[in-house]
C-alpha atoms as a PDB file:
ATOM      1  CA  MET A   1    -194.992  -2.879  54.937  1.00  0.00           C
ATOM      2  CA  GLN A   2    -197.592  -3.479  57.613  1.00  0.00           C
ATOM      3  CA  GLY A   3    -200.568  -1.282  58.364  1.00  0.00           C
ATOM      4  CA  ILE A   4    -203.694  -1.033  60.464  1.00  0.00           C
ATOM      5  CA  ASN A   5    -206.912   0.965  60.295  1.00  0.00           C
ATOM      6  CA  PRO A   6    -208.210   0.815  63.877  1.00  0.00           C
ATOM      7  CA  ARG A   7    -211.506   2.524  63.060  1.00  0.00           C
ATOM      8  CA  LEU A   8    -212.444  -0.116  60.452  1.00  0.00           C
ATOM      9  CA  GLY A   9    -210.760  -2.971  62.284  1.00  0.00           C
ATOM     10  CA  LYS A  10    -208.705  -3.859  59.196  1.00  0.00           C
ATOM     11  CA  SER A  11    -204.996  -4.511  58.652  1.00  0.00           C
ATOM     12  CA  PHE A  12    -202.657  -5.452  55.816  1.00  0.00           C
ATOM     13  CA  SER A  13    -199.130  -6.718  55.317  1.00  0.00           C
ATOM     14  CA  CYS A  14    -197.028  -6.823  52.169  1.00  0.00           C
ATOM     15  CA  ARG A  15    -193.519  -7.967  51.248  1.00  0.00           C
ATOM     16  CA  PHE A  16    -191.446  -6.110  48.675  1.00  0.00           C
ATOM     17  CA  PRO A  17    -188.356  -7.132  46.700  1.00  0.00           C
ATOM     18  CA  ALA A  18    -185.124  -6.419  48.545  1.00  0.00           C
ATOM     19  CA  ILE A  19    -184.541  -2.707  49.133  1.00  0.00           C
ATOM     20  CA  PRO A  20    -181.905  -1.055  51.345  1.00  0.00           C
ATOM     21  CA  PRO A  21    -182.619  -1.101  55.088  1.00  0.00           C
ATOM     22  CA  ILE A  22    -185.130   1.635  55.879  1.00  0.00           C
ATOM     23  CA  VAL A  23    -183.927   4.116  58.475  1.00  0.00           C
ATOM     24  CA  SER A  24    -186.798   6.613  58.679  1.00  0.00           C
ATOM     25  CA  ALA A  25    -190.100   7.454  56.980  1.00  0.00           C
ATOM     26  CA  THR A  26    -192.356  10.460  56.552  1.00  0.00           C
ATOM     27  CA  VAL A  27    -195.538  11.481  54.709  1.00  0.00           C
ATOM     28  CA  THR A  28    -196.079  14.760  52.854  1.00  0.00           C
ATOM     29  CA  SER A  29    -199.215  16.894  52.693  1.00  0.00           C
ATOM     30  CA  ASP A  30    -199.894  15.285  49.280  1.00  0.00           C
ATOM     31  CA  ASN A  31    -199.888  11.831  50.931  1.00  0.00           C
ATOM     32  CA  ASP A  32    -196.565  10.884  49.333  1.00  0.00           C
ATOM     33  CA  ILE A  33    -194.667   8.320  51.428  1.00  0.00           C
ATOM     34  CA  TYR A  34    -190.899   8.837  51.510  1.00  0.00           C
ATOM     35  CA  VAL A  35    -188.284   6.725  53.257  1.00  0.00           C
ATOM     36  CA  LEU A  36    -184.605   7.207  53.949  1.00  0.00           C
ATOM     37  CA  ALA A  37    -182.762   3.944  53.269  1.00  0.00           C
ATOM     38  CA  GLU A  38    -179.161   2.914  53.932  1.00  0.00           C
ATOM     39  CA  LYS A  39    -177.843   2.208  50.438  1.00  0.00           C
ATOM     40  CA  SER A  40    -174.203   1.730  51.520  1.00  0.00           C
ATOM     41  CA  GLN A  41    -171.791   2.720  54.267  1.00  0.00           C
ATOM     42  CA  ASP A  42    -171.374   6.107  52.618  1.00  0.00           C
ATOM     43  CA  GLN A  43    -174.746   6.808  50.990  1.00  0.00           C
ATOM     44  CA  MET A  44    -178.400   7.175  51.874  1.00  0.00           C
ATOM     45  CA  SER A  45    -181.164   6.670  49.331  1.00  0.00           C
ATOM     46  CA  LEU A  46    -184.378   8.686  49.275  1.00  0.00           C
ATOM     47  CA  LEU A  47    -187.212   6.413  48.104  1.00  0.00           C
ATOM     48  CA  LEU A  48    -190.770   7.340  47.134  1.00  0.00           C
ATOM     49  CA  TYR A  49    -193.591   4.803  47.312  1.00  0.00           C
ATOM     50  CA  ASN A  50    -195.539   4.632  44.036  1.00  0.00           C
ATOM     51  CA  GLN A  51    -199.083   3.932  45.228  1.00  0.00           C
ATOM     52  CA  ILE A  52    -200.408   2.919  41.797  1.00  0.00           C
ATOM     53  CA  LYS A  53    -197.661   0.429  40.960  1.00  0.00           C
ATOM     54  CA  GLY A  54    -197.057  -0.638  44.539  1.00  0.00           C
ATOM     55  CA  VAL A  55    -193.256  -0.241  44.252  1.00  0.00           C
ATOM     56  CA  TRP A  56    -190.509   1.918  45.758  1.00  0.00           C
ATOM     57  CA  GLU A  57    -188.713   4.321  43.407  1.00  0.00           C
ATOM     58  CA  GLN A  58    -185.415   6.068  44.060  1.00  0.00           C
ATOM     59  CA  GLU A  59    -185.677   9.855  44.047  1.00  0.00           C
ATOM     60  CA  SER A  60    -182.248  10.940  45.226  1.00  0.00           C
ATOM     61  CA  LEU A  61    -178.934   9.946  46.812  1.00  0.00           C
ATOM     62  CA  ILE A  62    -177.244  11.789  49.646  1.00  0.00           C
ATOM     63  CA  GLU A  63    -173.936  11.380  51.441  1.00  0.00           C
ATOM     64  CA  LYS A  64    -174.537   9.550  54.687  1.00  0.00           C
ATOM     65  CA  ILE A  65    -173.869  11.431  57.892  1.00  0.00           C
ATOM     66  CA  SER A  66    -171.806   9.310  60.278  1.00  0.00           C
ATOM     67  CA  GLY A  67    -173.479   7.884  63.357  1.00  0.00           C
ATOM     68  CA  ASP A  68    -175.896   5.241  64.576  1.00  0.00           C
ATOM     69  CA  ARG A  69    -178.591   4.578  61.953  1.00  0.00           C
ATOM     70  CA  ARG A  70    -181.213   4.997  64.676  1.00  0.00           C
ATOM     71  CA  GLU A  71    -180.228   8.669  64.911  1.00  0.00           C
ATOM     72  CA  HIS A  72    -180.902   9.393  61.210  1.00  0.00           C
ATOM     73  CA  HIS A  73    -184.310  10.903  60.509  1.00  0.00           C
ATOM     74  CA  LEU A  74    -186.418  12.114  57.605  1.00  0.00           C
ATOM     75  CA  SER A  75    -189.021  14.830  58.237  1.00  0.00           C
ATOM     76  CA  TYR A  76    -191.454  16.841  56.140  1.00  0.00           C
ATOM     77  CA  VAL A  77    -191.595  20.489  57.203  1.00  0.00           C
ATOM     78  CA  ASP A  78    -193.250  23.443  55.481  1.00  0.00           C
ATOM     79  CA  GLY A  79    -193.298  21.772  52.048  1.00  0.00           C
ATOM     80  CA  HIS A  80    -189.747  20.370  52.164  1.00  0.00           C
ATOM     81  CA  LEU A  81    -188.026  17.131  53.147  1.00  0.00           C
ATOM     82  CA  TYR A  82    -185.281  17.358  55.767  1.00  0.00           C
ATOM     83  CA  TYR A  83    -182.547  14.873  56.640  1.00  0.00           C
ATOM     84  CA  ILE A  84    -181.332  15.283  60.217  1.00  0.00           C
ATOM     85  CA  ALA A  85    -178.727  13.246  62.079  1.00  0.00           C
ATOM     86  CA  CYS A  86    -176.300  13.498  64.967  1.00  0.00           C
ATOM     87  CA  PRO A  87    -172.848  12.138  63.984  1.00  0.00           C
ATOM     88  CA  CYS A  88    -171.093   9.727  66.307  1.00  0.00           C
ATOM     89  CA  ASN A  89    -167.690  10.646  67.752  1.00  0.00           C
ATOM     90  CA  ASN A  90    -169.086  14.129  68.062  1.00  0.00           C
ATOM     91  CA  VAL A  91    -167.988  15.525  71.426  1.00  0.00           C
ATOM     92  CA  LEU A  92    -170.255  18.558  71.157  1.00  0.00           C
ATOM     93  CA  GLN A  93    -173.258  16.524  69.959  1.00  0.00           C
ATOM     94  CA  THR A  94    -174.021  18.702  66.952  1.00  0.00           C
ATOM     95  CA  TYR A  95    -177.034  17.855  64.822  1.00  0.00           C
ATOM     96  CA  VAL A  96    -176.576  18.142  61.053  1.00  0.00           C
ATOM     97  CA  LEU A  97    -179.605  19.299  59.060  1.00  0.00           C
ATOM     98  CA  LYS A  98    -180.063  19.138  55.258  1.00  0.00           C
ATOM     99  CA  LYS A  99    -183.019  20.249  53.104  1.00  0.00           C
ATOM    100  CA  TYR A 100    -184.008  18.497  49.886  1.00  0.00           C
ATOM    101  CA  ASP A 101    -184.959  20.556  46.828  1.00  0.00           C
ATOM    102  CA  ARG A 102    -187.173  18.338  44.652  1.00  0.00           C
ATOM    103  CA  TYR A 103    -186.847  20.665  41.653  1.00  0.00           C
ATOM    104  CA  THR A 104    -183.031  20.635  41.517  1.00  0.00           C
ATOM    105  CA  ASN A 105    -182.607  17.220  43.171  1.00  0.00           C
ATOM    106  CA  GLU A 106    -180.029  18.759  45.523  1.00  0.00           C
ATOM    107  CA  TRP A 107    -179.554  18.705  49.307  1.00  0.00           C
ATOM    108  CA  GLN A 108    -178.823  22.052  50.950  1.00  0.00           C
ATOM    109  CA  ASP A 109    -177.030  22.561  54.265  1.00  0.00           C
ATOM    110  CA  CYS A 110    -179.073  24.215  57.037  1.00  0.00           C
ATOM    111  CA  SER A 111    -178.153  25.520  60.488  1.00  0.00           C
ATOM    112  CA  GLY A 112    -176.879  22.824  62.831  1.00  0.00           C
ATOM    113  CA  LEU A 113    -177.724  22.438  66.500  1.00  0.00           C
ATOM    114  CA  LYS A 114    -175.418  21.785  69.464  1.00  0.00           C
ATOM    115  CA  VAL A 115    -176.962  19.845  72.343  1.00  0.00           C
ATOM    116  CA  LYS A 116    -175.619  18.943  75.779  1.00  0.00           C
ATOM    117  CA  THR A 117    -176.986  15.414  75.991  1.00  0.00           C
ATOM    118  CA  ASP A 118    -177.293  12.460  73.658  1.00  0.00           C
ATOM    119  CA  PRO A 119    -180.212  12.643  71.217  1.00  0.00           C
ATOM    120  CA  SER A 120    -183.033  10.256  72.066  1.00  0.00           C
ATOM    121  CA  GLN A 121    -186.068  11.087  69.957  1.00  0.00           C
ATOM    122  CA  GLU A 122    -187.098  11.483  66.360  1.00  0.00           C
ATOM    123  CA  PRO A 123    -187.875  15.060  65.287  1.00  0.00           C
ATOM    124  CA  ILE A 124    -191.486  16.204  65.648  1.00  0.00           C
ATOM    125  CA  VAL A 125    -193.224  18.542  63.215  1.00  0.00           C
ATOM    126  CA  SER A 126    -195.868  20.957  64.504  1.00  0.00           C
ATOM    127  CA  CYS A 127    -197.409  23.931  62.673  1.00  0.00           C
ATOM    128  CA  GLY A 128    -194.518  24.285  60.240  1.00  0.00           C
ATOM    129  CA  PHE A 129    -191.756  24.004  62.857  1.00  0.00           C
ATOM    130  CA  LEU A 130    -189.349  21.148  63.637  1.00  0.00           C
ATOM    131  CA  TYR A 131    -188.888  20.134  67.274  1.00  0.00           C
ATOM    132  CA  LEU A 132    -186.175  18.075  68.963  1.00  0.00           C
ATOM    133  CA  VAL A 133    -186.903  16.923  72.478  1.00  0.00           C
ATOM    134  CA  ASN A 134    -185.280  14.668  75.062  1.00  0.00           C
ATOM    135  CA  GLU A 135    -185.384  14.381  78.848  1.00  0.00           C
ATOM    136  CA  THR A 136    -183.371  17.561  79.508  1.00  0.00           C
ATOM    137  CA  GLU A 137    -183.597  19.728  76.383  1.00  0.00           C
ATOM    138  CA  MET A 138    -186.069  20.943  73.789  1.00  0.00           C
ATOM    139  CA  HIS A 139    -185.309  22.922  70.641  1.00  0.00           C
ATOM    140  CA  CYS A 140    -187.419  24.374  67.841  1.00  0.00           C
ATOM    141  CA  TYR A 141    -186.264  24.960  64.249  1.00  0.00           C
ATOM    142  CA  ASP A 142    -187.838  27.708  62.147  1.00  0.00           C
ATOM    143  CA  PRO A 143    -187.328  26.757  58.459  1.00  0.00           C
ATOM    144  CA  LYS A 144    -188.142  30.253  57.202  1.00  0.00           C
ATOM    145  CA  LYS A 145    -185.426  31.846  59.352  1.00  0.00           C
ATOM    146  CA  ASP A 146    -183.092  28.811  59.345  1.00  0.00           C
ATOM    147  CA  ARG A 147    -182.654  29.229  63.108  1.00  0.00           C
ATOM    148  CA  TRP A 148    -182.986  27.105  66.256  1.00  0.00           C
ATOM    149  CA  PHE A 149    -184.674  28.303  69.453  1.00  0.00           C
ATOM    150  CA  LYS A 150    -184.663  26.835  72.971  1.00  0.00           C
ATOM    151  CA  ARG A 151    -187.947  25.729  74.476  1.00  0.00           C
ATOM    152  CA  SER A 152    -188.960  24.285  77.850  1.00  0.00           C
ATOM    153  CA  PRO A 153    -187.958  20.603  78.277  1.00  0.00           C
ATOM    154  CA  PRO A 154    -190.420  17.960  79.511  1.00  0.00           C
ATOM    155  CA  THR A 155    -190.658  16.492  83.003  1.00  0.00           C
ATOM    156  CA  CYS A 156    -190.217  12.842  82.086  1.00  0.00           C
ATOM    157  CA  ASN A 157    -187.312  10.527  82.905  1.00  0.00           C
ATOM    158  CA  LEU A 158    -187.364   8.539  79.668  1.00  0.00           C
ATOM    159  CA  LEU A 159    -189.171   9.554  76.491  1.00  0.00           C
ATOM    160  CA  TRP A 160    -190.020   6.691  74.153  1.00  0.00           C
ATOM    161  CA  THR A 161    -192.555   7.888  71.576  1.00  0.00           C
ATOM    162  CA  THR A 162    -193.777  11.313  70.434  1.00  0.00           C
ATOM    163  CA  VAL A 163    -196.362  12.701  68.005  1.00  0.00           C
ATOM    164  CA  ALA A 164    -197.990  16.062  67.209  1.00  0.00           C
ATOM    165  CA  ILE A 165    -201.571  17.187  66.612  1.00  0.00           C
ATOM    166  CA  GLY A 166    -201.820  20.811  65.571  1.00  0.00           C
ATOM    167  CA  ASN A 167    -199.977  22.935  68.121  1.00  0.00           C
ATOM    168  CA  GLU A 168    -199.733  20.123  70.682  1.00  0.00           C
ATOM    169  CA  ILE A 169    -196.914  17.573  71.054  1.00  0.00           C
ATOM    170  CA  TYR A 170    -197.571  14.331  72.938  1.00  0.00           C
ATOM    171  CA  CYS A 171    -194.880  12.191  74.589  1.00  0.00           C
ATOM    172  CA  SER A 172    -194.915   8.902  76.454  1.00  0.00           C
ATOM    173  CA  ASP A 173    -192.391   6.932  78.461  1.00  0.00           C
ATOM    174  CA  MET A 174    -191.353   3.457  77.348  1.00  0.00           C
ATOM    175  CA  ASP A 175    -193.928   1.640  79.538  1.00  0.00           C
ATOM    176  CA  PHE A 176    -196.858   3.949  78.750  1.00  0.00           C
ATOM    177  CA  THR A 177    -197.197   4.844  82.427  1.00  0.00           C
ATOM    178  CA  LYS A 178    -196.712   8.589  81.875  1.00  0.00           C
ATOM    179  CA  VAL A 179    -198.041  10.688  78.981  1.00  0.00           C
ATOM    180  CA  LEU A 180    -197.321  14.398  78.564  1.00  0.00           C
ATOM    181  CA  VAL A 181    -198.696  17.075  76.250  1.00  0.00           C
ATOM    182  CA  TYR A 182    -196.800  20.217  75.229  1.00  0.00           C
ATOM    183  CA  ASN A 183    -198.461  23.377  73.908  1.00  0.00           C
ATOM    184  CA  THR A 184    -196.177  25.041  71.354  1.00  0.00           C
ATOM    185  CA  GLU A 185    -197.914  28.414  71.784  1.00  0.00           C
ATOM    186  CA  THR A 186    -197.703  28.659  75.579  1.00  0.00           C
ATOM    187  CA  ASP A 187    -194.434  26.649  75.928  1.00  0.00           C
ATOM    188  CA  ARG A 188    -195.972  24.575  78.724  1.00  0.00           C
ATOM    189  CA  TRP A 189    -196.181  20.851  79.553  1.00  0.00           C
ATOM    190  CA  GLN A 190    -199.092  19.033  81.201  1.00  0.00           C
ATOM    191  CA  ASP A 191    -199.785  15.455  82.277  1.00  0.00           C
ATOM    192  CA  LEU A 192    -202.446  13.363  80.565  1.00  0.00           C
ATOM    193  CA  PRO A 193    -204.424  10.756  82.545  1.00  0.00           C
ATOM    194  CA  PRO A 194    -202.832   7.274  82.359  1.00  0.00           C
ATOM    195  CA  TRP A 195    -204.586   4.226  80.921  1.00  0.00           C
ATOM    196  CA  GLU A 196    -206.574   2.714  83.800  1.00  0.00           C
ATOM    197  CA  SER A 197    -206.537  -1.033  83.315  1.00  0.00           C
ATOM    198  CA  SER A 198    -205.688  -3.984  85.553  1.00  0.00           C
ATOM    199  CA  GLU A 199    -203.929  -5.531  82.556  1.00  0.00           C
ATOM    200  CA  ALA A 200    -201.663  -2.495  82.159  1.00  0.00           C
ATOM    201  CA  GLU A 201    -200.333  -2.849  85.696  1.00  0.00           C
ATOM    202  CA  ASP A 202    -198.738  -6.239  85.015  1.00  0.00           C
ATOM    203  CA  THR A 203    -197.824  -5.950  81.320  1.00  0.00           C
ATOM    204  CA  PHE A 204    -194.797  -4.304  79.737  1.00  0.00           C
ATOM    205  CA  TYR A 205    -195.782  -2.749  76.420  1.00  0.00           C
ATOM    206  CA  SER A 206    -193.812  -1.009  73.713  1.00  0.00           C
ATOM    207  CA  PRO A 207    -195.996   2.018  72.885  1.00  0.00           C
ATOM    208  CA  SER A 208    -196.130   3.933  69.590  1.00  0.00           C
ATOM    209  CA  LEU A 209    -198.185   7.113  69.523  1.00  0.00           C
ATOM    210  CA  PHE A 210    -199.874   8.020  66.242  1.00  0.00           C
ATOM    211  CA  VAL A 211    -202.606  10.300  64.891  1.00  0.00           C
ATOM    212  CA  LEU A 212    -205.690   9.132  63.001  1.00  0.00           C
ATOM    213  CA  GLU A 213    -208.556  11.420  62.020  1.00  0.00           C
ATOM    214  CA  ASN A 214    -207.053  14.148  64.214  1.00  0.00           C
ATOM    215  CA  GLN A 215    -207.276  11.965  67.315  1.00  0.00           C
ATOM    216  CA  LEU A 216    -204.460  10.711  69.529  1.00  0.00           C
ATOM    217  CA  HIS A 217    -203.954   6.930  69.371  1.00  0.00           C
ATOM    218  CA  VAL A 218    -201.380   4.535  70.749  1.00  0.00           C
ATOM    219  CA  PHE A 219    -200.411   1.092  69.510  1.00  0.00           C
ATOM    220  CA  LEU A 220    -199.358  -1.058  72.462  1.00  0.00           C
ATOM    221  CA  ASP A 221    -197.087  -3.738  71.075  1.00  0.00           C
ATOM    222  CA  ILE A 222    -196.161  -6.920  72.873  1.00  0.00           C
ATOM    223  CA  GLU A 223    -194.995 -10.384  71.801  1.00  0.00           C
ATOM    224  CA  ASP A 224    -198.297 -12.086  72.632  1.00  0.00           C
ATOM    225  CA  PRO A 225    -200.840 -11.106  69.895  1.00  0.00           C
ATOM    226  CA  GLU A 226    -203.702 -11.512  72.366  1.00  0.00           C
ATOM    227  CA  PHE A 227    -202.494  -8.501  74.334  1.00  0.00           C
ATOM    228  CA  LYS A 228    -201.696  -6.137  71.456  1.00  0.00           C
ATOM    229  CA  HIS A 229    -203.996  -3.136  71.713  1.00  0.00           C
ATOM    230  CA  VAL A 230    -204.883   0.148  70.052  1.00  0.00           C
ATOM    231  CA  LEU A 231    -206.178   2.889  72.340  1.00  0.00           C
ATOM    232  CA  VAL A 232    -207.687   6.254  71.475  1.00  0.00           C
ATOM    233  CA  TYR A 233    -207.638   9.247  73.797  1.00  0.00           C
ATOM    234  CA  ASP A 234    -211.069  10.785  74.416  1.00  0.00           C
ATOM    235  CA  ARG A 235    -210.428  14.503  74.998  1.00  0.00           C
ATOM    236  CA  CYS A 236    -213.972  15.146  76.213  1.00  0.00           C
ATOM    237  CA  GLU A 237    -213.941  12.353  78.798  1.00  0.00           C
ATOM    238  CA  GLY A 238    -210.240  12.715  79.599  1.00  0.00           C
ATOM    239  CA  ASN A 239    -209.495   8.995  79.379  1.00  0.00           C
ATOM    240  CA  TRP A 240    -208.142   6.247  77.106  1.00  0.00           C
ATOM    241  CA  ARG A 241    -210.558   3.916  75.320  1.00  0.00           C
ATOM    242  CA  GLN A 242    -209.590   0.545  73.870  1.00  0.00           C
ATOM    243  CA  LEU A 243    -210.619  -0.072  70.260  1.00  0.00           C
ATOM    244  CA  ASN A 244    -212.048  -3.379  69.152  1.00  0.00           C
ATOM    245  CA  THR A 245    -209.697  -4.217  66.291  1.00  0.00           C
ATOM    246  CA  SER A 246    -207.618  -7.189  65.174  1.00  0.00           C
ATOM    247  CA  ILE A 247    -203.878  -6.473  65.141  1.00  0.00           C
ATOM    248  CA  SER A 248    -201.770  -8.603  62.807  1.00  0.00           C
ATOM    249  CA  VAL A 249    -198.580  -6.528  62.956  1.00  0.00           C
ATOM    250  CA  SER A 250    -195.710  -8.758  64.088  1.00  0.00           C
ATOM    251  CA  GLY A 251    -191.939  -8.918  63.933  1.00  0.00           C
ATOM    252  CA  TRP A 252    -191.772  -5.151  63.437  1.00  0.00           C
ATOM    253  CA  GLU A 253    -188.247  -3.775  63.119  1.00  0.00           C
ATOM    254  CA  GLY A 254    -188.941  -0.493  61.342  1.00  0.00           C
ATOM    255  CA  GLY A 255    -189.003   3.051  62.646  1.00  0.00           C
ATOM    256  CA  ARG A 256    -191.821   5.176  63.970  1.00  0.00           C
ATOM    257  CA  PRO A 257    -195.240   4.457  62.388  1.00  0.00           C
ATOM    258  CA  VAL A 258    -196.511   7.017  59.880  1.00  0.00           C
ATOM    259  CA  HIS A 259    -200.081   7.964  58.975  1.00  0.00           C
ATOM    260  CA  ALA A 260    -200.976   7.776  55.276  1.00  0.00           C
ATOM    261  CA  ARG A 261    -203.772   6.705  52.943  1.00  0.00           C
ATOM    262  CA  ILE A 262    -202.791   3.486  51.174  1.00  0.00           C
ATOM    263  CA  TYR A 263    -204.054   2.501  47.719  1.00  0.00           C
ATOM    264  CA  LEU A 264    -204.741  -1.177  48.376  1.00  0.00           C
ATOM    265  CA  PRO A 265    -205.250  -2.157  44.684  1.00  0.00           C
ATOM    266  CA  GLY A 266    -201.654  -1.075  44.119  1.00  0.00           C
ATOM    267  CA  LEU A 267    -200.484  -3.486  46.806  1.00  0.00           C
ATOM    268  CA  LYS A 268    -202.587  -6.331  45.421  1.00  0.00           C
ATOM    269  CA  ALA A 269    -201.382  -5.689  41.853  1.00  0.00           C
ATOM    270  CA  ASN A 270    -197.783  -6.137  42.919  1.00  0.00           C
ATOM    271  CA  THR A 271    -197.981  -9.936  42.858  1.00  0.00           C
ATOM    272  CA  HIS A 272    -194.231 -10.538  42.802  1.00  0.00           C
ATOM    273  CA  VAL A 273    -193.745  -9.221  46.327  1.00  0.00           C
ATOM    274  CA  GLY A 274    -194.565 -12.564  47.881  1.00  0.00           C
ATOM    275  CA  GLY A 275    -198.231 -11.942  48.585  1.00  0.00           C
ATOM    276  CA  THR A 276    -200.402  -9.291  50.125  1.00  0.00           C
ATOM    277  CA  ARG A 277    -202.792 -10.015  52.960  1.00  0.00           C
ATOM    278  CA  VAL A 278    -205.665  -7.688  53.748  1.00  0.00           C
ATOM    279  CA  ARG A 279    -207.866  -8.460  56.745  1.00  0.00           C
END
């Protein structure tokens, strides 16, 4: 686990005992961190991070949906965890959706979704609804009605990272040269100003959008640590501002970053993980 707090300029990294490969992660409204891990070829494991003990605990097992592990996602919507995936060898490209009941420890089948093109993005949660978006399609799932609805697709050739703040969904291409914002109430897309920097013109970043203190941020990853950056979008000024913070994240092979409060004493107490570094 690696983490950064751009506002305080601090970061941490921690190694845990061997656990199944993590496929997707999400955080609940109670700040519980859940991950979906590939336990075997046929099973997925739902793990909960115990903040006090600093260990991962298995909550449930679920039959694995076939398909590329990159197309398996875990989302928290309207008080429930959802497992969504698009099976391979699926001519119609039908998403499978399952809801986890923490009280019965059972997974319930929900309405699936047929799409015309290959899935390309992790689901986005906004105001109690689940959104799926790619370059040509956008769909919204209403958990109360167990129904999918079509929405207006974006005007971007290649979406790479997405995140939501309230009723707005933000998307960026893979080079962070185009950023879009979608309003879920008006069903409209708009362009955001690009990052104006001479460095950005000659550097190929891998961007990851995230939200911190209700503000839009982006982590610009690159092999050279000197050029790793965290930017914050200033809504009043309409521009991107670089934060002065040290980034120690390296060798990252996990999924989309998640925003959560971490109990650092729990990480430090877990001495058998091979060491915890807090900067």
